[in-house]
Amino acid sequence: MSTVEEIQQAIKSLPREDFFRLHNWLHKLFEDQWDKEMREDIESGLLTDIAEEALKEHRSGKTSPFPADEK
């Protein structure tokens, strides 16, 4: 198994086209992992309390538009 340092050096030596292919692949992998973790957190109820608190604050008028209206 290669070390992170070895992988980093190999990436630095990639031709431009391969570098961008790797970047796109890593970006997609990251997004897929993020989506998986979010799904798991939602299904486990981990975000329920946070969502309920946010809705409570919004309904009580404690929120503002995002991004804030610039004048």
PDB file of N, CA and C in Angstrom:
ATOM      1  N   MET A   1       0.838  -1.176   0.000  1.00  0.00           N
ATOM      2  CA  MET A   1       0.000   0.000   0.000  1.00  0.00           C
ATOM      3  C   MET A   1       0.887   1.243   0.000  1.00  0.00           C
ATOM      4  N   SER A   2       0.538   2.193  -0.805  1.00  0.00           N
ATOM      5  CA  SER A   2       1.295   3.437  -0.897  1.00  0.00           C
ATOM      6  C   SER A   2       0.937   4.368   0.254  1.00  0.00           C
ATOM      7  N   THR A   3       1.887   5.182   0.629  1.00  0.00           N
ATOM      8  CA  THR A   3       1.617   6.187   1.642  1.00  0.00           C
ATOM      9  C   THR A   3       0.972   7.390   0.973  1.00  0.00           C
ATOM     10  N   VAL A   4       0.370   8.223   1.773  1.00  0.00           N
ATOM     11  CA  VAL A   4      -0.251   9.443   1.245  1.00  0.00           C
ATOM     12  C   VAL A   4       0.809  10.286   0.535  1.00  0.00           C
ATOM     13  N   GLU A   5       1.992  10.364   1.108  1.00  0.00           N
ATOM     14  CA  GLU A   5       3.058  11.154   0.497  1.00  0.00           C
ATOM     15  C   GLU A   5       3.421  10.612  -0.883  1.00  0.00           C
ATOM     16  N   GLU A   6       3.469   9.295  -1.022  1.00  0.00           N
ATOM     17  CA  GLU A   6       3.777   8.688  -2.322  1.00  0.00           C
ATOM     18  C   GLU A   6       2.671   8.982  -3.332  1.00  0.00           C
ATOM     19  N   ILE A   7       1.450   8.914  -2.871  1.00  0.00           N
ATOM     20  CA  ILE A   7       0.318   9.215  -3.753  1.00  0.00           C
ATOM     21  C   ILE A   7       0.357  10.679  -4.179  1.00  0.00           C
ATOM     22  N   GLN A   8       0.648  11.565  -3.239  1.00  0.00           N
ATOM     23  CA  GLN A   8       0.733  12.986  -3.569  1.00  0.00           C
ATOM     24  C   GLN A   8       1.804  13.243  -4.623  1.00  0.00           C
ATOM     25  N   GLN A   9       2.952  12.617  -4.472  1.00  0.00           N
ATOM     26  CA  GLN A   9       4.024  12.798  -5.450  1.00  0.00           C
ATOM     27  C   GLN A   9       3.609  12.249  -6.816  1.00  0.00           C
ATOM     28  N   ALA A  10       2.924  11.117  -6.830  1.00  0.00           N
ATOM     29  CA  ALA A  10       2.467  10.545  -8.091  1.00  0.00           C
ATOM     30  C   ALA A  10       1.465  11.479  -8.771  1.00  0.00           C
ATOM     31  N   ILE A  11       0.592  12.073  -7.990  1.00  0.00           N
ATOM     32  CA  ILE A  11      -0.393  13.008  -8.544  1.00  0.00           C
ATOM     33  C   ILE A  11       0.305  14.213  -9.163  1.00  0.00           C
ATOM     34  N   LYS A  12       1.321  14.716  -8.493  1.00  0.00           N
ATOM     35  CA  LYS A  12       2.048  15.875  -9.015  1.00  0.00           C
ATOM     36  C   LYS A  12       2.705  15.582 -10.363  1.00  0.00           C
ATOM     37  N   SER A  13       3.012  14.329 -10.611  1.00  0.00           N
ATOM     38  CA  SER A  13       3.696  13.995 -11.861  1.00  0.00           C
ATOM     39  C   SER A  13       2.731  13.583 -12.984  1.00  0.00           C
ATOM     40  N   LEU A  14       1.436  13.606 -12.718  1.00  0.00           N
ATOM     41  CA  LEU A  14       0.468  13.222 -13.742  1.00  0.00           C
ATOM     42  C   LEU A  14       0.430  14.237 -14.882  1.00  0.00           C
ATOM     43  N   PRO A  15       0.210  13.749 -16.093  1.00  0.00           N
ATOM     44  CA  PRO A  15      -0.062  14.682 -17.192  1.00  0.00           C
ATOM     45  C   PRO A  15      -1.365  15.434 -16.902  1.00  0.00           C
ATOM     46  N   ARG A  16      -1.485  16.617 -17.458  1.00  0.00           N
ATOM     47  CA  ARG A  16      -2.629  17.494 -17.209  1.00  0.00           C
ATOM     48  C   ARG A  16      -3.971  16.779 -17.378  1.00  0.00           C
ATOM     49  N   GLU A  17      -4.139  16.063 -18.474  1.00  0.00           N
ATOM     50  CA  GLU A  17      -5.410  15.386 -18.731  1.00  0.00           C
ATOM     51  C   GLU A  17      -5.728  14.358 -17.641  1.00  0.00           C
ATOM     52  N   ASP A  18      -4.738  13.582 -17.237  1.00  0.00           N
ATOM     53  CA  ASP A  18      -4.956  12.591 -16.181  1.00  0.00           C
ATOM     54  C   ASP A  18      -5.228  13.256 -14.834  1.00  0.00           C
ATOM     55  N   PHE A  19      -4.555  14.375 -14.586  1.00  0.00           N
ATOM     56  CA  PHE A  19      -4.784  15.111 -13.351  1.00  0.00           C
ATOM     57  C   PHE A  19      -6.247  15.549 -13.253  1.00  0.00           C
ATOM     58  N   PHE A  20      -6.790  16.086 -14.350  1.00  0.00           N
ATOM     59  CA  PHE A  20      -8.177  16.539 -14.322  1.00  0.00           C
ATOM     60  C   PHE A  20      -9.149  15.367 -14.274  1.00  0.00           C
ATOM     61  N   ARG A  21      -8.812  14.250 -14.895  1.00  0.00           N
ATOM     62  CA  ARG A  21      -9.649  13.043 -14.765  1.00  0.00           C
ATOM     63  C   ARG A  21      -9.698  12.594 -13.308  1.00  0.00           C
ATOM     64  N   LEU A  22      -8.545  12.602 -12.651  1.00  0.00           N
ATOM     65  CA  LEU A  22      -8.480  12.221 -11.239  1.00  0.00           C
ATOM     66  C   LEU A  22      -9.274  13.199 -10.387  1.00  0.00           C
ATOM     67  N   HIS A  23      -9.116  14.486 -10.659  1.00  0.00           N
ATOM     68  CA  HIS A  23      -9.857  15.504  -9.915  1.00  0.00           C
ATOM     69  C   HIS A  23     -11.359  15.268 -10.040  1.00  0.00           C
ATOM     70  N   ASN A  24     -11.841  15.053 -11.239  1.00  0.00           N
ATOM     71  CA  ASN A  24     -13.276  14.838 -11.449  1.00  0.00           C
ATOM     72  C   ASN A  24     -13.754  13.582 -10.739  1.00  0.00           C
ATOM     73  N   TRP A  25     -12.942  12.533 -10.783  1.00  0.00           N
ATOM     74  CA  TRP A  25     -13.299  11.286 -10.109  1.00  0.00           C
ATOM     75  C   TRP A  25     -13.364  11.494  -8.594  1.00  0.00           C
ATOM     76  N   LEU A  26     -12.358  12.172  -8.032  1.00  0.00           N
ATOM     77  CA  LEU A  26     -12.353  12.433  -6.590  1.00  0.00           C
ATOM     78  C   LEU A  26     -13.519  13.322  -6.175  1.00  0.00           C
ATOM     79  N   HIS A  27     -13.829  14.319  -6.992  1.00  0.00           N
ATOM     80  CA  HIS A  27     -14.940  15.210  -6.699  1.00  0.00           C
ATOM     81  C   HIS A  27     -16.252  14.418  -6.641  1.00  0.00           C
ATOM     82  N   LYS A  28     -16.461  13.554  -7.611  1.00  0.00           N
ATOM     83  CA  LYS A  28     -17.686  12.720  -7.642  1.00  0.00           C
ATOM     84  C   LYS A  28     -17.702  11.776  -6.438  1.00  0.00           C
ATOM     85  N   LEU A  29     -16.570  11.170  -6.132  1.00  0.00           N
ATOM     86  CA  LEU A  29     -16.477  10.271  -4.982  1.00  0.00           C
ATOM     87  C   LEU A  29     -16.825  11.007  -3.692  1.00  0.00           C
ATOM     88  N   PHE A  30     -16.293  12.222  -3.531  1.00  0.00           N
ATOM     89  CA  PHE A  30     -16.583  13.031  -2.353  1.00  0.00           C
ATOM     90  C   PHE A  30     -18.073  13.339  -2.268  1.00  0.00           C
ATOM     91  N   GLU A  31     -18.675  13.771  -3.387  1.00  0.00           N
ATOM     92  CA  GLU A  31     -20.113  14.080  -3.390  1.00  0.00           C
ATOM     93  C   GLU A  31     -20.945  12.862  -3.052  1.00  0.00           C
ATOM     94  N   ASP A  32     -20.596  11.711  -3.623  1.00  0.00           N
ATOM     95  CA  ASP A  32     -21.342  10.482  -3.336  1.00  0.00           C
ATOM     96  C   ASP A  32     -21.240  10.107  -1.865  1.00  0.00           C
ATOM     97  N   GLN A  33     -20.043  10.253  -1.287  1.00  0.00           N
ATOM     98  CA  GLN A  33     -19.855   9.927   0.130  1.00  0.00           C
ATOM     99  C   GLN A  33     -20.642  10.899   1.009  1.00  0.00           C
ATOM    100  N   TRP A  34     -20.632  12.178   0.650  1.00  0.00           N
ATOM    101  CA  TRP A  34     -21.390  13.180   1.400  1.00  0.00           C
ATOM    102  C   TRP A  34     -22.877  12.843   1.372  1.00  0.00           C
ATOM    103  N   ASP A  35     -23.386  12.530   0.182  1.00  0.00           N
ATOM    104  CA  ASP A  35     -24.804  12.174   0.048  1.00  0.00           C
ATOM    105  C   ASP A  35     -25.138  10.950   0.895  1.00  0.00           C
ATOM    106  N   LYS A  36     -24.266   9.947   0.884  1.00  0.00           N
ATOM    107  CA  LYS A  36     -24.484   8.728   1.668  1.00  0.00           C
ATOM    108  C   LYS A  36     -24.536   9.049   3.158  1.00  0.00           C
ATOM    109  N   GLU A  37     -23.596   9.861   3.623  1.00  0.00           N
ATOM    110  CA  GLU A  37     -23.575  10.224   5.041  1.00  0.00           C
ATOM    111  C   GLU A  37     -24.809  11.029   5.434  1.00  0.00           C
ATOM    112  N   MET A  38     -25.227  11.953   4.575  1.00  0.00           N
ATOM    113  CA  MET A  38     -26.429  12.737   4.863  1.00  0.00           C
ATOM    114  C   MET A  38     -27.657  11.827   4.937  1.00  0.00           C
ATOM    115  N   ARG A  39     -27.780  10.899   3.979  1.00  0.00           N
ATOM    116  CA  ARG A  39     -28.900   9.955   3.987  1.00  0.00           C
ATOM    117  C   ARG A  39     -28.922   9.146   5.275  1.00  0.00           C
ATOM    118  N   GLU A  40     -27.746   8.651   5.665  1.00  0.00           N
ATOM    119  CA  GLU A  40     -27.656   7.857   6.903  1.00  0.00           C
ATOM    120  C   GLU A  40     -28.021   8.693   8.123  1.00  0.00           C
ATOM    121  N   ASP A  41     -27.555   9.940   8.165  1.00  0.00           N
ATOM    122  CA  ASP A  41     -27.875  10.819   9.299  1.00  0.00           C
ATOM    123  C   ASP A  41     -29.369  11.112   9.364  1.00  0.00           C
ATOM    124  N   ILE A  42     -29.992  11.337   8.207  1.00  0.00           N
ATOM    125  CA  ILE A  42     -31.430  11.602   8.166  1.00  0.00           C
ATOM    126  C   ILE A  42     -32.205  10.368   8.603  1.00  0.00           C
ATOM    127  N   GLU A  43     -31.848   9.208   8.037  1.00  0.00           N
ATOM    128  CA  GLU A  43     -32.558   7.966   8.362  1.00  0.00           C
ATOM    129  C   GLU A  43     -32.412   7.581   9.831  1.00  0.00           C
ATOM    130  N   SER A  44     -31.275   7.921  10.442  1.00  0.00           N
ATOM    131  CA  SER A  44     -31.051   7.569  11.844  1.00  0.00           C
ATOM    132  C   SER A  44     -31.715   8.566  12.799  1.00  0.00           C
ATOM    133  N   GLY A  45     -32.237   9.682  12.243  1.00  0.00           N
ATOM    134  CA  GLY A  45     -32.864  10.694  13.084  1.00  0.00           C
ATOM    135  C   GLY A  45     -31.883  11.688  13.665  1.00  0.00           C
ATOM    136  N   LEU A  46     -30.623  11.599  13.271  1.00  0.00           N
ATOM    137  CA  LEU A  46     -29.597  12.468  13.834  1.00  0.00           C
ATOM    138  C   LEU A  46     -29.874  13.949  13.588  1.00  0.00           C
ATOM    139  N   LEU A  47     -30.523  14.269  12.484  1.00  0.00           N
ATOM    140  CA  LEU A  47     -30.766  15.671  12.147  1.00  0.00           C
ATOM    141  C   LEU A  47     -32.150  16.169  12.564  1.00  0.00           C
ATOM    142  N   THR A  48     -32.963  15.307  13.118  1.00  0.00           N
ATOM    143  CA  THR A  48     -34.335  15.669  13.471  1.00  0.00           C
ATOM    144  C   THR A  48     -34.391  16.832  14.453  1.00  0.00           C
ATOM    145  N   ASP A  49     -33.629  16.759  15.530  1.00  0.00           N
ATOM    146  CA  ASP A  49     -33.643  17.834  16.541  1.00  0.00           C
ATOM    147  C   ASP A  49     -33.181  19.162  15.953  1.00  0.00           C
ATOM    148  N   ILE A  50     -32.154  19.103  15.112  1.00  0.00           N
ATOM    149  CA  ILE A  50     -31.638  20.323  14.491  1.00  0.00           C
ATOM    150  C   ILE A  50     -32.694  20.932  13.575  1.00  0.00           C
ATOM    151  N   ALA A  51     -33.341  20.094  12.774  1.00  0.00           N
ATOM    152  CA  ALA A  51     -34.366  20.578  11.853  1.00  0.00           C
ATOM    153  C   ALA A  51     -35.548  21.171  12.613  1.00  0.00           C
ATOM    154  N   GLU A  52     -35.976  20.512  13.668  1.00  0.00           N
ATOM    155  CA  GLU A  52     -37.102  21.013  14.458  1.00  0.00           C
ATOM    156  C   GLU A  52     -36.763  22.358  15.107  1.00  0.00           C
ATOM    157  N   GLU A  53     -35.554  22.511  15.604  1.00  0.00           N
ATOM    158  CA  GLU A  53     -35.138  23.776  16.219  1.00  0.00           C
ATOM    159  C   GLU A  53     -35.093  24.888  15.177  1.00  0.00           C
ATOM    160  N   ALA A  54     -34.589  24.577  13.997  1.00  0.00           N
ATOM    161  CA  ALA A  54     -34.520  25.581  12.929  1.00  0.00           C
ATOM    162  C   ALA A  54     -35.918  26.014  12.508  1.00  0.00           C
ATOM    163  N   LEU A  55     -36.834  25.073  12.369  1.00  0.00           N
ATOM    164  CA  LEU A  55     -38.215  25.413  12.006  1.00  0.00           C
ATOM    165  C   LEU A  55     -38.886  26.245  13.092  1.00  0.00           C
ATOM    166  N   LYS A  56     -38.631  25.905  14.344  1.00  0.00           N
ATOM    167  CA  LYS A  56     -39.195  26.660  15.469  1.00  0.00           C
ATOM    168  C   LYS A  56     -38.709  28.114  15.430  1.00  0.00           C
ATOM    169  N   GLU A  57     -37.410  28.307  15.203  1.00  0.00           N
ATOM    170  CA  GLU A  57     -36.861  29.667  15.131  1.00  0.00           C
ATOM    171  C   GLU A  57     -37.430  30.424  13.936  1.00  0.00           C
ATOM    172  N   HIS A  58     -37.571  29.747  12.820  1.00  0.00           N
ATOM    173  CA  HIS A  58     -38.113  30.396  11.623  1.00  0.00           C
ATOM    174  C   HIS A  58     -39.568  30.823  11.852  1.00  0.00           C
ATOM    175  N   ARG A  59     -40.355  29.929  12.427  1.00  0.00           N
ATOM    176  CA  ARG A  59     -41.769  30.235  12.662  1.00  0.00           C
ATOM    177  C   ARG A  59     -41.959  31.360  13.680  1.00  0.00           C
ATOM    178  N   SER A  60     -40.998  31.531  14.560  1.00  0.00           N
ATOM    179  CA  SER A  60     -41.108  32.591  15.566  1.00  0.00           C
ATOM    180  C   SER A  60     -40.491  33.904  15.083  1.00  0.00           C
ATOM    181  N   GLY A  61     -40.070  33.941  13.818  1.00  0.00           N
ATOM    182  CA  GLY A  61     -39.555  35.182  13.243  1.00  0.00           C
ATOM    183  C   GLY A  61     -38.103  35.489  13.569  1.00  0.00           C
ATOM    184  N   LYS A  62     -37.355  34.504  14.018  1.00  0.00           N
ATOM    185  CA  LYS A  62     -35.964  34.736  14.404  1.00  0.00           C
ATOM    186  C   LYS A  62     -34.973  34.496  13.259  1.00  0.00           C
ATOM    187  N   THR A  63     -35.473  34.379  12.037  1.00  0.00           N
ATOM    188  CA  THR A  63     -34.589  34.133  10.906  1.00  0.00           C
ATOM    189  C   THR A  63     -34.641  35.301   9.937  1.00  0.00           C
ATOM    190  N   SER A  64     -33.673  35.334   9.049  1.00  0.00           N
ATOM    191  CA  SER A  64     -33.651  36.371   8.017  1.00  0.00           C
ATOM    192  C   SER A  64     -33.266  35.711   6.687  1.00  0.00           C
ATOM    193  N   PRO A  65     -33.575  36.365   5.584  1.00  0.00           N
ATOM    194  CA  PRO A  65     -33.250  35.787   4.281  1.00  0.00           C
ATOM    195  C   PRO A  65     -31.742  35.553   4.138  1.00  0.00           C
ATOM    196  N   PHE A  66     -31.400  34.539   3.394  1.00  0.00           N
ATOM    197  CA  PHE A  66     -30.004  34.272   3.107  1.00  0.00           C
ATOM    198  C   PHE A  66     -29.816  34.139   1.621  1.00  0.00           C
ATOM    199  N   PRO A  67     -28.892  34.813   1.021  1.00  0.00           N
ATOM    200  CA  PRO A  67     -28.068  35.810   1.690  1.00  0.00           C
ATOM    201  C   PRO A  67     -28.902  37.022   2.086  1.00  0.00           C
ATOM    202  N   ALA A  68     -28.422  37.713   3.092  1.00  0.00           N
ATOM    203  CA  ALA A  68     -29.145  38.885   3.578  1.00  0.00           C
ATOM    204  C   ALA A  68     -29.329  39.889   2.424  1.00  0.00           C
ATOM    205  N   ASP A  69     -30.468  40.502   2.381  1.00  0.00           N
ATOM    206  CA  ASP A  69     -30.722  41.510   1.347  1.00  0.00           C
ATOM    207  C   ASP A  69     -29.716  42.638   1.510  1.00  0.00           C
ATOM    208  N   GLU A  70     -29.024  42.924   0.411  1.00  0.00           N
ATOM    209  CA  GLU A  70     -28.063  44.028   0.441  1.00  0.00           C
ATOM    210  C   GLU A  70     -28.745  45.302  -0.035  1.00  0.00           C
ATOM    211  N   LYS A  71     -28.487  46.376   0.665  1.00  0.00           N
ATOM    212  CA  LYS A  71     -29.123  47.655   0.315  1.00  0.00           C
ATOM    213  C   LYS A  71     -28.086  48.658  -0.044  1.00  0.00           C
TER     214      LYS A  71
END
